[in-house]
């Protein structure tokens, strides 16, 4: 029971962090392109928290998520620390990492 509550608490903290970054993005001044914003909004849970709602249709796979993880890792490294751009890239990188972990665990369970 404690493990389940702990897991739920961690997930709620993650969703809270996503929501905080979404709020920052909405008030930002062009740090992200329109294409990046179109990717970030669903990824950070604007339309729901299920993996199928976080990613574009047909992209719930390790290859796609791995490529996006590399892109956002590079963007985070290049963005000045403390900026909306860095916070958004950092949270996006983290979210893609969590999704990749989920995908790989699911694949390992099927083997």
N, C-alpha and C. Protein backbone atom coordinates (compact mmCIF):
# COMPACT_ATOMS: atom_id res chain seq x y z
N UNK A 1 0.82 -1.19 0.00
CA UNK A 1 0.00 0.00 0.00
C UNK A 1 0.87 1.27 0.00
N UNK A 2 1.92 1.28 0.83
CA UNK A 2 2.80 2.44 0.88
C UNK A 2 3.50 2.66 -0.45
N UNK A 3 3.90 1.57 -1.11
CA UNK A 3 4.57 1.68 -2.40
C UNK A 3 3.63 2.28 -3.44
N UNK A 4 2.36 1.88 -3.41
CA UNK A 4 1.38 2.42 -4.36
C UNK A 4 1.17 3.91 -4.11
N UNK A 5 1.06 4.30 -2.85
CA UNK A 5 0.88 5.71 -2.52
C UNK A 5 2.11 6.53 -2.92
N UNK A 6 3.28 5.96 -2.69
CA UNK A 6 4.51 6.63 -3.07
C UNK A 6 4.60 6.84 -4.57
N UNK A 7 4.22 5.81 -5.32
CA UNK A 7 4.22 5.89 -6.78
C UNK A 7 3.23 6.93 -7.27
N UNK A 8 2.05 6.95 -6.67
CA UNK A 8 1.04 7.93 -7.04
C UNK A 8 1.52 9.35 -6.73
N UNK A 9 2.15 9.52 -5.58
CA UNK A 9 2.66 10.83 -5.18
C UNK A 9 3.71 11.32 -6.18
N UNK A 10 4.60 10.44 -6.60
CA UNK A 10 5.64 10.82 -7.58
C UNK A 10 5.00 11.21 -8.90
N UNK A 11 4.01 10.44 -9.35
CA UNK A 11 3.32 10.78 -10.61
C UNK A 11 2.63 12.13 -10.51
N UNK A 12 2.02 12.42 -9.37
CA UNK A 12 1.36 13.73 -9.18
C UNK A 12 2.38 14.85 -9.21
N UNK A 13 3.54 14.64 -8.61
CA UNK A 13 4.60 15.66 -8.66
C UNK A 13 5.05 15.90 -10.10
N UNK A 14 5.18 14.82 -10.88
CA UNK A 14 5.57 14.95 -12.28
C UNK A 14 4.54 15.74 -13.07
N UNK A 15 3.26 15.43 -12.87
CA UNK A 15 2.20 16.16 -13.57
C UNK A 15 2.20 17.64 -13.16
N UNK A 16 2.48 17.90 -11.91
CA UNK A 16 2.55 19.28 -11.43
C UNK A 16 3.68 20.03 -12.13
N UNK A 17 4.84 19.39 -12.24
CA UNK A 17 5.96 20.02 -12.94
C UNK A 17 5.61 20.28 -14.40
N UNK A 18 4.95 19.33 -15.04
CA UNK A 18 4.52 19.52 -16.43
C UNK A 18 3.59 20.73 -16.52
N UNK A 19 2.64 20.83 -15.62
CA UNK A 19 1.68 21.93 -15.64
C UNK A 19 2.37 23.27 -15.44
N UNK A 20 3.34 23.33 -14.53
CA UNK A 20 4.07 24.58 -14.30
C UNK A 20 4.79 25.03 -15.56
N UNK A 21 5.41 24.09 -16.26
CA UNK A 21 6.11 24.44 -17.50
C UNK A 21 5.10 24.87 -18.56
N UNK A 22 3.96 24.20 -18.64
CA UNK A 22 2.91 24.61 -19.59
C UNK A 22 2.51 26.06 -19.34
N UNK A 23 2.35 26.42 -18.08
CA UNK A 23 1.99 27.81 -17.75
C UNK A 23 3.08 28.77 -18.20
N UNK A 24 4.34 28.41 -17.99
CA UNK A 24 5.44 29.26 -18.43
C UNK A 24 5.45 29.40 -19.94
N UNK A 25 5.17 28.30 -20.63
CA UNK A 25 5.16 28.34 -22.10
C UNK A 25 4.10 29.29 -22.63
N UNK A 26 2.94 29.26 -22.01
CA UNK A 26 1.85 30.12 -22.47
C UNK A 26 2.19 31.60 -22.28
N UNK A 27 3.02 31.91 -21.32
CA UNK A 27 3.41 33.30 -21.08
C UNK A 27 4.74 33.68 -21.69
N UNK A 28 5.34 32.76 -22.46
CA UNK A 28 6.67 33.03 -23.02
C UNK A 28 6.59 33.93 -24.24
N UNK A 29 7.75 34.43 -24.61
CA UNK A 29 7.84 35.39 -25.72
C UNK A 29 8.63 34.82 -26.89
N UNK A 30 8.19 33.73 -27.42
CA UNK A 30 8.79 33.21 -28.64
C UNK A 30 10.05 32.40 -28.46
N UNK A 31 10.27 31.82 -27.29
CA UNK A 31 11.46 30.98 -27.11
C UNK A 31 11.35 29.67 -27.89
N UNK A 32 10.14 29.29 -28.24
CA UNK A 32 9.91 28.04 -28.96
C UNK A 32 9.19 28.32 -30.27
N UNK A 33 9.51 27.52 -31.28
CA UNK A 33 8.84 27.65 -32.57
C UNK A 33 7.41 27.12 -32.44
N UNK A 34 6.60 27.42 -33.44
CA UNK A 34 5.22 26.93 -33.45
C UNK A 34 5.20 25.40 -33.46
N UNK A 35 6.12 24.78 -34.21
CA UNK A 35 6.19 23.32 -34.26
C UNK A 35 6.57 22.74 -32.90
N UNK A 36 7.51 23.39 -32.21
CA UNK A 36 7.91 22.92 -30.88
C UNK A 36 6.75 23.05 -29.89
N UNK A 37 6.05 24.16 -29.94
CA UNK A 37 4.89 24.34 -29.05
C UNK A 37 3.81 23.30 -29.33
N UNK A 38 3.62 22.99 -30.61
CA UNK A 38 2.63 21.96 -30.97
C UNK A 38 3.04 20.59 -30.43
N UNK A 39 4.32 20.37 -30.27
CA UNK A 39 4.82 19.12 -29.68
C UNK A 39 4.72 19.16 -28.15
N UNK A 40 5.07 20.31 -27.57
CA UNK A 40 5.14 20.43 -26.10
C UNK A 40 3.78 20.37 -25.42
N UNK A 41 2.81 21.02 -25.98
CA UNK A 41 1.50 21.10 -25.31
C UNK A 41 0.91 19.72 -25.03
N UNK A 42 0.79 18.85 -26.01
CA UNK A 42 0.26 17.52 -25.68
C UNK A 42 1.24 16.71 -24.83
N UNK A 43 2.54 16.82 -25.12
CA UNK A 43 3.53 16.04 -24.39
C UNK A 43 3.49 16.33 -22.89
N UNK A 44 3.24 17.57 -22.54
CA UNK A 44 3.22 17.96 -21.13
C UNK A 44 1.83 17.82 -20.51
N UNK A 45 0.93 17.14 -21.21
CA UNK A 45 -0.33 16.74 -20.61
C UNK A 45 -1.51 17.67 -20.81
N UNK A 46 -1.42 18.59 -21.74
CA UNK A 46 -2.54 19.51 -21.94
C UNK A 46 -3.82 18.78 -22.32
N UNK A 47 -3.69 17.65 -23.02
CA UNK A 47 -4.86 16.92 -23.50
C UNK A 47 -5.06 15.58 -22.79
N UNK A 48 -4.35 15.35 -21.70
CA UNK A 48 -4.48 14.11 -20.94
C UNK A 48 -3.12 13.50 -20.67
N UNK A 49 -3.09 12.56 -19.75
CA UNK A 49 -1.82 12.01 -19.30
C UNK A 49 -1.46 10.65 -19.87
N UNK A 50 -2.34 10.04 -20.64
CA UNK A 50 -2.02 8.74 -21.22
C UNK A 50 -0.99 8.92 -22.33
N UNK A 51 -0.08 7.97 -22.45
CA UNK A 51 1.00 8.06 -23.43
C UNK A 51 0.44 8.31 -24.83
N UNK A 52 -0.67 7.68 -25.17
CA UNK A 52 -1.26 7.86 -26.50
C UNK A 52 -1.71 9.29 -26.75
N UNK A 53 -1.99 10.05 -25.69
CA UNK A 53 -2.39 11.45 -25.84
C UNK A 53 -1.19 12.39 -25.77
N UNK A 54 -0.07 11.90 -25.25
CA UNK A 54 1.12 12.73 -25.12
C UNK A 54 1.90 12.81 -26.43
N UNK A 55 1.81 11.76 -27.23
CA UNK A 55 2.59 11.66 -28.47
C UNK A 55 1.67 11.69 -29.69
N UNK A 56 2.23 12.10 -30.84
CA UNK A 56 1.43 12.07 -32.07
C UNK A 56 1.03 10.63 -32.41
N UNK A 57 -0.07 10.46 -33.13
CA UNK A 57 -0.51 9.12 -33.51
C UNK A 57 0.59 8.34 -34.23
N UNK A 58 0.74 7.09 -33.86
CA UNK A 58 1.70 6.21 -34.51
C UNK A 58 3.14 6.38 -34.05
N UNK A 59 3.39 7.15 -33.00
CA UNK A 59 4.77 7.40 -32.58
C UNK A 59 5.09 6.84 -31.20
N UNK A 60 4.24 5.99 -30.68
CA UNK A 60 4.51 5.41 -29.36
C UNK A 60 5.46 4.23 -29.56
N UNK A 61 6.72 4.56 -29.81
CA UNK A 61 7.74 3.54 -29.99
C UNK A 61 9.09 4.10 -29.54
N UNK A 62 9.99 3.22 -29.20
CA UNK A 62 11.29 3.61 -28.65
C UNK A 62 12.11 4.44 -29.63
N UNK A 63 12.02 4.14 -30.91
CA UNK A 63 12.81 4.88 -31.90
C UNK A 63 12.41 6.35 -31.94
N UNK A 64 11.13 6.63 -32.09
CA UNK A 64 10.66 8.02 -32.14
C UNK A 64 11.00 8.76 -30.85
N UNK A 65 10.68 8.15 -29.72
CA UNK A 65 10.91 8.80 -28.44
C UNK A 65 12.40 9.03 -28.21
N UNK A 66 13.23 8.08 -28.62
CA UNK A 66 14.68 8.24 -28.51
C UNK A 66 15.21 9.42 -29.31
N UNK A 67 14.69 9.58 -30.53
CA UNK A 67 15.10 10.72 -31.36
C UNK A 67 14.68 12.04 -30.74
N UNK A 68 13.46 12.10 -30.21
CA UNK A 68 12.98 13.34 -29.59
C UNK A 68 13.75 13.63 -28.30
N UNK A 69 14.11 12.58 -27.59
CA UNK A 69 14.90 12.72 -26.37
C UNK A 69 16.26 13.36 -26.68
N UNK A 70 16.90 12.90 -27.76
CA UNK A 70 18.19 13.49 -28.16
C UNK A 70 18.03 14.95 -28.58
N UNK A 71 16.98 15.25 -29.34
CA UNK A 71 16.74 16.63 -29.78
C UNK A 71 16.59 17.56 -28.58
N UNK A 72 15.74 17.18 -27.63
CA UNK A 72 15.47 18.05 -26.49
C UNK A 72 16.64 18.09 -25.52
N UNK A 73 17.43 17.05 -25.47
CA UNK A 73 18.65 17.09 -24.65
C UNK A 73 19.63 18.11 -25.18
N UNK A 74 19.78 18.13 -26.51
CA UNK A 74 20.65 19.13 -27.13
C UNK A 74 20.11 20.54 -26.92
N UNK A 75 18.81 20.71 -27.10
CA UNK A 75 18.19 22.02 -26.92
C UNK A 75 18.37 22.50 -25.48
N UNK A 76 18.22 21.60 -24.52
CA UNK A 76 18.39 21.96 -23.11
C UNK A 76 19.83 22.38 -22.85
N UNK A 77 20.80 21.66 -23.42
CA UNK A 77 22.22 21.99 -23.22
C UNK A 77 22.57 23.35 -23.81
N UNK A 78 21.89 23.73 -24.88
CA UNK A 78 22.20 25.00 -25.54
C UNK A 78 21.46 26.19 -24.93
N UNK A 79 20.38 25.95 -24.21
CA UNK A 79 19.57 27.04 -23.65
C UNK A 79 20.20 27.58 -22.37
N UNK A 80 20.19 28.90 -22.20
CA UNK A 80 20.73 29.47 -20.96
C UNK A 80 19.94 29.00 -19.74
N UNK A 81 20.67 28.59 -18.71
CA UNK A 81 20.03 28.12 -17.49
C UNK A 81 19.18 29.23 -16.88
N UNK A 82 18.00 28.86 -16.36
CA UNK A 82 17.12 29.83 -15.72
C UNK A 82 16.12 30.47 -16.66
N UNK A 83 16.18 30.14 -17.94
CA UNK A 83 15.25 30.71 -18.91
C UNK A 83 14.06 29.77 -19.11
N UNK A 84 13.00 30.31 -19.69
CA UNK A 84 11.83 29.49 -20.02
C UNK A 84 12.24 28.42 -21.02
N UNK A 85 13.12 28.78 -21.93
CA UNK A 85 13.58 27.81 -22.93
C UNK A 85 14.27 26.62 -22.25
N UNK A 86 15.11 26.88 -21.28
CA UNK A 86 15.80 25.80 -20.58
C UNK A 86 14.82 24.96 -19.77
N UNK A 87 13.92 25.62 -19.04
CA UNK A 87 12.93 24.89 -18.23
C UNK A 87 12.05 24.02 -19.10
N UNK A 88 11.61 24.55 -20.23
CA UNK A 88 10.75 23.78 -21.15
C UNK A 88 11.50 22.60 -21.74
N UNK A 89 12.74 22.83 -22.19
CA UNK A 89 13.53 21.75 -22.77
C UNK A 89 13.86 20.69 -21.72
N UNK A 90 14.17 21.13 -20.51
CA UNK A 90 14.50 20.21 -19.42
C UNK A 90 13.30 19.32 -19.09
N UNK A 91 12.14 19.92 -18.96
CA UNK A 91 10.94 19.14 -18.62
C UNK A 91 10.56 18.21 -19.77
N UNK A 92 10.73 18.67 -21.00
CA UNK A 92 10.42 17.86 -22.16
C UNK A 92 11.37 16.66 -22.24
N UNK A 93 12.64 16.91 -21.99
CA UNK A 93 13.63 15.84 -21.96
C UNK A 93 13.26 14.81 -20.89
N UNK A 94 12.90 15.29 -19.72
CA UNK A 94 12.50 14.40 -18.63
C UNK A 94 11.27 13.59 -18.99
N UNK A 95 10.26 14.25 -19.57
CA UNK A 95 9.01 13.56 -19.93
C UNK A 95 9.29 12.49 -20.97
N UNK A 96 10.09 12.81 -22.00
CA UNK A 96 10.42 11.79 -23.00
C UNK A 96 11.18 10.62 -22.36
N UNK A 97 12.05 10.91 -21.40
CA UNK A 97 12.76 9.84 -20.71
C UNK A 97 11.82 8.92 -19.96
N UNK A 98 10.82 9.50 -19.29
CA UNK A 98 9.83 8.71 -18.57
C UNK A 98 9.00 7.85 -19.53
N UNK A 99 8.65 8.43 -20.67
CA UNK A 99 7.88 7.69 -21.67
C UNK A 99 8.72 6.54 -22.24
N UNK A 100 9.99 6.82 -22.54
CA UNK A 100 10.86 5.77 -23.07
C UNK A 100 11.00 4.64 -22.06
N UNK A 101 11.16 4.97 -20.79
CA UNK A 101 11.25 3.96 -19.75
C UNK A 101 9.99 3.09 -19.73
N UNK A 102 8.84 3.73 -19.85
CA UNK A 102 7.57 2.99 -19.87
C UNK A 102 7.47 2.06 -21.08
N UNK A 103 7.87 2.57 -22.24
CA UNK A 103 7.83 1.76 -23.47
C UNK A 103 8.76 0.55 -23.34
N UNK A 104 9.99 0.77 -22.84
CA UNK A 104 10.95 -0.31 -22.73
C UNK A 104 10.51 -1.35 -21.69
N UNK A 105 9.91 -0.91 -20.60
CA UNK A 105 9.40 -1.86 -19.62
C UNK A 105 8.28 -2.71 -20.22
N UNK A 106 7.42 -2.06 -21.00
CA UNK A 106 6.32 -2.80 -21.64
C UNK A 106 6.87 -3.83 -22.63
N UNK A 107 7.88 -3.44 -23.41
CA UNK A 107 8.49 -4.36 -24.37
C UNK A 107 9.16 -5.52 -23.66
N UNK A 108 9.83 -5.26 -22.53
CA UNK A 108 10.51 -6.30 -21.78
C UNK A 108 9.50 -7.29 -21.20
N UNK A 109 8.34 -6.80 -20.85
CA UNK A 109 7.29 -7.67 -20.31
C UNK A 109 6.70 -8.60 -21.34
N UNK A 110 6.81 -8.24 -22.61
CA UNK A 110 6.26 -9.07 -23.69
C UNK A 110 7.23 -10.13 -24.15
N UNK A 111 8.48 -10.02 -23.78
CA UNK A 111 9.50 -10.98 -24.25
C UNK A 111 9.39 -12.28 -23.51
